[in-house]
Amino acid sequence: MGAVAPEELARLWTQDEVTIERAIGQIVQQLVTIQVSLDRQAQALGQLRREMSTLIAPSGDSADKGKRVRQEK
């Protein structure tokens, strides 16, 4: 049995159409779904931060910074 949407579970609960055991089971299923999503988002954010840090990091060739190149005529 799949997890019931939280709104539907609340409706069933208020109408006494769901047992305590089933409600707890549904809540646990929803918690697992939320945790998996959160873990994936945290992993994606970490990857994005790593990629951004490589884009904004200094080039490491500081000797050439600010030097003008003379153009030959």
Protein backbone atom coordinates (compact mmCIF):
# COMPACT_ATOMS: atom_id res chain seq x y z
CA MET A 1 0.00 0.00 0.00
CA GLY A 2 1.34 3.42 -0.94
CA ALA A 3 1.52 6.39 1.33
CA VAL A 4 -1.58 8.53 1.56
CA ALA A 5 -1.17 12.27 1.02
CA PRO A 6 -0.94 14.15 4.34
CA GLU A 7 -4.15 16.09 3.63
CA GLU A 8 -6.06 12.87 2.96
CA LEU A 9 -4.62 11.23 6.07
CA ALA A 10 -5.70 14.22 8.17
CA ARG A 11 -9.19 14.04 6.69
CA LEU A 12 -9.44 10.31 7.40
CA TRP A 13 -8.13 10.87 10.92
CA THR A 14 -10.66 13.59 11.76
CA GLN A 15 -13.47 11.39 10.45
CA ASP A 16 -12.25 8.39 12.49
CA GLU A 17 -11.75 6.38 9.28
CA VAL A 18 -8.18 5.33 10.00
CA THR A 19 -6.69 3.29 12.81
CA ILE A 20 -3.80 4.50 14.92
CA GLU A 21 -1.59 1.76 13.49
CA ARG A 22 -2.39 2.68 9.90
CA ALA A 23 -1.91 6.40 10.61
CA ILE A 24 1.51 5.74 12.15
CA GLY A 25 2.46 3.55 9.20
CA GLN A 26 1.44 6.29 6.78
CA ILE A 27 3.38 8.92 8.74
CA VAL A 28 6.50 6.73 8.72
CA GLN A 29 6.18 6.26 4.94
CA GLN A 30 5.87 10.01 4.46
CA LEU A 31 8.86 10.61 6.74
CA VAL A 32 11.01 8.23 4.70
CA THR A 33 9.96 9.95 1.46
CA ILE A 34 10.79 13.38 2.91
CA GLN A 35 14.16 12.19 4.24
CA VAL A 36 15.16 10.68 0.89
CA SER A 37 14.22 13.92 -0.88
CA LEU A 38 16.11 16.01 1.67
CA ASP A 39 19.22 13.83 1.33
CA ARG A 40 19.14 14.19 -2.47
CA GLN A 41 18.71 17.95 -2.22
CA ALA A 42 21.59 18.25 0.24
CA GLN A 43 23.80 16.19 -2.08
CA ALA A 44 22.83 18.35 -5.07
CA LEU A 45 23.51 21.52 -3.08
CA GLY A 46 26.94 20.24 -2.07
CA GLN A 47 27.75 19.45 -5.69
CA LEU A 48 26.55 22.89 -6.80
CA ARG A 49 28.69 24.56 -4.13
CA ARG A 50 31.75 22.60 -5.27
CA GLU A 51 31.13 23.58 -8.88
CA MET A 52 30.61 27.23 -7.95
CA SER A 53 33.82 27.32 -5.90
CA THR A 54 35.80 26.14 -8.92
CA LEU A 55 34.21 28.84 -11.07
CA ILE A 56 34.97 31.70 -8.68
CA ALA A 57 38.35 30.48 -7.44
CA PRO A 58 41.39 32.57 -8.45
CA SER A 59 43.22 31.25 -11.48
CA GLY A 60 46.44 30.73 -9.52
CA ASP A 61 48.52 32.64 -12.07
CA SER A 62 48.86 35.78 -9.93
CA ALA A 63 52.06 36.95 -11.63
CA ASP A 64 50.16 37.89 -14.77
CA LYS A 65 47.32 39.65 -13.01
CA GLY A 66 47.01 43.27 -13.93
CA LYS A 67 49.79 43.18 -16.52
CA ARG A 68 49.13 44.95 -19.73
CA VAL A 69 50.22 43.35 -22.92
CA ARG A 70 51.86 45.69 -25.39
CA GLN A 71 50.41 45.44 -28.82
CA GLU A 72 52.87 45.60 -31.67
CA LYS A 73 52.08 47.97 -34.52
